[in-house]
Amino acid sequence: MMSDDHAFIDDSGEITKGKSVMKEDWRKFFEDYPDYRNVFTSVVVQNDVAVMVGCSICS
């Protein structure tokens, strides 16, 4: 679930914008890493910002 104006910021600060672009990027990512999982220890939403803290697991 993403808004049409979704923005993804990776750990190097690169920003990818747009739902259709991100859907394709995620499709490719999960083809390459099918067992990838996020484990969140905290999720905070304030106004229109969501912050998730945790770690990723993948072989």
C-alpha atoms as a PDB file:
ATOM      1  CA  MET A   1       0.000   0.000   0.000  1.00  0.00           C
ATOM      2  CA  MET A   2       1.526   3.255  -1.180  1.00  0.00           C
ATOM      3  CA  SER A   3       0.193   6.672  -2.001  1.00  0.00           C
ATOM      4  CA  ASP A   4       0.571   7.857  -5.608  1.00  0.00           C
ATOM      5  CA  ASP A   5       3.172  10.398  -4.416  1.00  0.00           C
ATOM      6  CA  HIS A   6       5.097   7.838  -2.329  1.00  0.00           C
ATOM      7  CA  ALA A   7       8.768   8.694  -1.720  1.00  0.00           C
ATOM      8  CA  PHE A   8      11.360   6.076  -0.714  1.00  0.00           C
ATOM      9  CA  ILE A   9      14.623   7.293   0.835  1.00  0.00           C
ATOM     10  CA  ASP A  10      17.380   4.686   1.031  1.00  0.00           C
ATOM     11  CA  ASP A  11      20.203   4.600   3.569  1.00  0.00           C
ATOM     12  CA  SER A  12      22.477   6.602   1.253  1.00  0.00           C
ATOM     13  CA  GLY A  13      19.876   9.379   0.983  1.00  0.00           C
ATOM     14  CA  GLU A  14      18.785   8.604  -2.594  1.00  0.00           C
ATOM     15  CA  ILE A  15      15.089   9.367  -3.139  1.00  0.00           C
ATOM     16  CA  THR A  16      12.812   7.393  -5.462  1.00  0.00           C
ATOM     17  CA  LYS A  17       9.396   8.936  -6.062  1.00  0.00           C
ATOM     18  CA  GLY A  18       6.131   7.601  -7.419  1.00  0.00           C
ATOM     19  CA  LYS A  19       3.981   4.557  -6.733  1.00  0.00           C
ATOM     20  CA  SER A  20       4.385   2.960 -10.172  1.00  0.00           C
ATOM     21  CA  VAL A  21       8.190   3.322 -10.093  1.00  0.00           C
ATOM     22  CA  MET A  22       8.407   1.853  -6.595  1.00  0.00           C
ATOM     23  CA  LYS A  23       6.099  -1.071  -7.408  1.00  0.00           C
ATOM     24  CA  GLU A  24       8.430  -2.111 -10.222  1.00  0.00           C
ATOM     25  CA  ASP A  25      11.552  -1.583  -8.080  1.00  0.00           C
ATOM     26  CA  TRP A  26      10.083  -3.698  -5.240  1.00  0.00           C
ATOM     27  CA  ARG A  27       9.003  -6.428  -7.675  1.00  0.00           C
ATOM     28  CA  LYS A  28      12.581  -6.705  -8.950  1.00  0.00           C
ATOM     29  CA  PHE A  29      13.997  -6.569  -5.413  1.00  0.00           C
ATOM     30  CA  PHE A  30      11.823  -9.432  -4.122  1.00  0.00           C
ATOM     31  CA  GLU A  31      12.657 -11.538  -7.170  1.00  0.00           C
ATOM     32  CA  ASP A  32      16.340 -11.167  -6.237  1.00  0.00           C
ATOM     33  CA  TYR A  33      15.823 -11.572  -2.455  1.00  0.00           C
ATOM     34  CA  PRO A  34      12.705 -13.724  -1.896  1.00  0.00           C
ATOM     35  CA  ASP A  35      13.384 -14.320   1.822  1.00  0.00           C
ATOM     36  CA  TYR A  36      13.937 -10.640   2.695  1.00  0.00           C
ATOM     37  CA  ARG A  37      12.006  -9.540   5.792  1.00  0.00           C
ATOM     38  CA  ASN A  38      11.799  -6.399   7.925  1.00  0.00           C
ATOM     39  CA  VAL A  39      11.431  -6.687  11.693  1.00  0.00           C
ATOM     40  CA  PHE A  40      10.144  -3.444  13.209  1.00  0.00           C
ATOM     41  CA  THR A  41      10.731  -2.583  16.856  1.00  0.00           C
ATOM     42  CA  SER A  42       8.949   0.758  16.688  1.00  0.00           C
ATOM     43  CA  VAL A  43       6.469   2.451  14.366  1.00  0.00           C
ATOM     44  CA  VAL A  44       5.525   6.096  14.972  1.00  0.00           C
ATOM     45  CA  VAL A  45       3.132   8.146  12.858  1.00  0.00           C
ATOM     46  CA  GLN A  46       2.877  11.898  13.303  1.00  0.00           C
ATOM     47  CA  ASN A  47       0.796  13.958  10.897  1.00  0.00           C
ATOM     48  CA  ASP A  48       1.809  12.767   7.416  1.00  0.00           C
ATOM     49  CA  VAL A  49       5.143  11.194   8.436  1.00  0.00           C
ATOM     50  CA  ALA A  50       5.731   7.563   9.431  1.00  0.00           C
ATOM     51  CA  VAL A  51       9.002   6.444  11.032  1.00  0.00           C
ATOM     52  CA  MET A  52       9.815   2.748  11.360  1.00  0.00           C
ATOM     53  CA  VAL A  53      12.793   1.477  13.349  1.00  0.00           C
ATOM     54  CA  GLY A  54      14.078  -2.070  13.121  1.00  0.00           C
ATOM     55  CA  CYS A  55      16.256  -4.341  11.077  1.00  0.00           C
ATOM     56  CA  SER A  56      16.205  -6.375   7.894  1.00  0.00           C
ATOM     57  CA  ILE A  57      16.828 -10.110   7.636  1.00  0.00           C
ATOM     58  CA  CYS A  58      17.915 -11.868   4.460  1.00  0.00           C
ATOM     59  CA  SER A  59      20.195 -14.754   3.576  1.00  0.00           C
END
